[in-house]
């Protein structure tokens, strides 16, 4: 699994309308494919690639949550995801010292909990 830096941008107004949203979300572009992210503009995003699979780790320490979304080529929305909010939920999956883990380690641990 390798960390990558694809282009991440705000949705256009047309995309916002198409998805039925009130606020502009985020889009990720990788190899001429566009993916709709469930992350917000105040989140920290980390993107990893393993083969053709893309993993997007979303971290927001101010709102106390972590999320992992899994994307496949030609699928604009995540095919699987996990969302953890609150210290207790995060510690249950990652342990009490989760804040000392690297983003790659957090991503790997969350991947192991996906169905």
Protein backbone atom coordinates (compact mmCIF):
# COMPACT_ATOMS: atom_id res chain seq x y z
CA UNK A 1 0.00 0.00 0.00
CA UNK A 2 1.46 3.31 -1.10
CA UNK A 3 0.39 6.82 -0.12
CA UNK A 4 -0.54 8.97 -3.13
CA UNK A 5 -1.53 12.60 -3.64
CA UNK A 6 -4.39 12.73 -6.15
CA UNK A 7 -6.10 15.99 -7.01
CA UNK A 8 -8.83 16.85 -4.49
CA UNK A 9 -11.21 19.69 -5.34
CA UNK A 10 -14.54 21.18 -4.35
CA UNK A 11 -17.56 20.02 -6.33
CA UNK A 12 -18.79 22.27 -9.07
CA UNK A 13 -22.25 23.75 -8.60
CA UNK A 14 -23.54 21.36 -11.27
CA UNK A 15 -22.12 18.35 -9.39
CA UNK A 16 -23.63 19.64 -6.14
CA UNK A 17 -27.05 19.84 -7.79
CA UNK A 18 -26.61 16.44 -9.49
CA UNK A 19 -25.95 14.74 -6.11
CA UNK A 20 -28.80 16.65 -4.43
CA UNK A 21 -26.55 18.40 -1.92
CA UNK A 22 -27.01 21.79 -0.28
CA UNK A 23 -23.28 22.31 0.29
CA UNK A 24 -20.44 21.68 -2.10
CA UNK A 25 -18.66 18.44 -1.26
CA UNK A 26 -15.23 17.21 -2.29
CA UNK A 27 -14.19 15.26 -5.36
CA UNK A 28 -11.00 13.27 -5.92
CA UNK A 29 -9.45 12.70 -9.34
CA UNK A 30 -7.04 9.85 -9.98
CA UNK A 31 -6.03 8.48 -13.40
CA UNK A 32 -8.80 10.45 -15.14
CA UNK A 33 -11.46 8.94 -12.84
CA UNK A 34 -13.50 11.17 -10.52
CA UNK A 35 -14.63 9.94 -7.11
CA UNK A 36 -17.12 11.58 -4.75
CA UNK A 37 -15.65 11.92 -1.25
CA UNK A 38 -17.66 11.78 1.95
CA UNK A 39 -15.11 14.05 3.63
CA UNK A 40 -15.56 17.71 4.43
CA UNK A 41 -13.31 20.65 3.68
CA UNK A 42 -12.16 20.86 7.34
CA UNK A 43 -11.02 17.21 7.38
CA UNK A 44 -7.48 15.94 6.89
CA UNK A 45 -7.36 13.42 4.01
CA UNK A 46 -4.82 10.69 3.36
CA UNK A 47 -5.08 8.58 0.22
CA UNK A 48 -3.47 5.17 -0.27
CA UNK A 49 -3.42 2.86 -3.27
CA UNK A 50 -3.07 -0.92 -3.29
CA UNK A 51 -3.35 -2.38 -6.78
CA UNK A 52 -6.46 -0.72 -8.23
CA UNK A 53 -8.08 -0.08 -4.83
CA UNK A 54 -8.02 3.43 -3.33
CA UNK A 55 -8.34 3.97 0.42
CA UNK A 56 -9.22 7.42 1.74
CA UNK A 57 -8.58 7.99 5.45
CA UNK A 58 -10.44 10.99 6.85
CA UNK A 59 -9.29 12.44 10.16
CA UNK A 60 -10.97 15.24 12.09
CA UNK A 61 -9.56 15.58 15.60
CA UNK A 62 -11.69 18.67 16.36
CA UNK A 63 -14.89 16.67 15.84
CA UNK A 64 -13.25 13.48 17.16
CA UNK A 65 -13.77 11.12 14.23
CA UNK A 66 -11.96 8.87 11.76
CA UNK A 67 -13.36 7.35 8.59
CA UNK A 68 -12.05 5.04 5.91
CA UNK A 69 -13.65 4.82 2.47
CA UNK A 70 -12.74 2.23 -0.15
CA UNK A 71 -13.01 3.02 -3.85
CA UNK A 72 -12.69 0.88 -6.96
CA UNK A 73 -12.10 2.17 -10.51
CA UNK A 74 -15.24 3.36 -12.29
CA UNK A 75 -17.21 3.46 -9.01
CA UNK A 76 -17.73 7.14 -8.09
CA UNK A 77 -18.93 6.31 -4.56
CA UNK A 78 -17.23 4.18 -1.89
CA UNK A 79 -17.83 0.44 -2.11
CA UNK A 80 -17.15 0.02 1.61
CA UNK A 81 -16.49 2.30 4.56
CA UNK A 82 -16.05 2.53 8.29
CA UNK A 83 -16.80 5.57 10.47
CA UNK A 84 -15.67 5.96 14.07
CA UNK A 85 -16.71 8.91 16.20
CA UNK A 86 -15.72 9.50 19.79
CA UNK A 87 -12.68 8.43 21.73
CA UNK A 88 -14.31 5.23 22.95
CA UNK A 89 -15.22 4.03 19.44
CA UNK A 90 -11.80 4.82 18.04
CA UNK A 91 -10.00 3.14 20.96
CA UNK A 92 -12.15 0.04 20.56
CA UNK A 93 -10.79 -0.47 17.03
CA UNK A 94 -7.29 1.01 17.30
CA UNK A 95 -6.32 0.84 20.97
CA UNK A 96 -5.69 3.53 23.57
CA UNK A 97 -2.49 4.75 21.88
CA UNK A 98 -4.10 5.30 18.48
CA UNK A 99 -2.93 8.94 18.37
CA UNK A 100 0.68 7.73 18.22
CA UNK A 101 0.05 5.53 15.15
CA UNK A 102 1.04 6.67 11.68
CA UNK A 103 -1.76 7.34 9.19
CA UNK A 104 -0.61 4.28 7.24
CA UNK A 105 -0.91 2.10 10.37
CA UNK A 106 -4.36 3.51 11.14
CA UNK A 107 -5.45 2.81 7.56
CA UNK A 108 -4.11 -0.76 7.69
CA UNK A 109 -5.88 -1.44 11.01
CA UNK A 110 -9.19 -0.10 9.68
CA UNK A 111 -8.86 -2.14 6.47
CA UNK A 112 -8.66 -5.26 8.65
CA UNK A 113 -12.04 -4.36 10.20
CA UNK A 114 -13.87 -4.00 6.88
CA UNK A 115 -16.23 -6.77 5.82
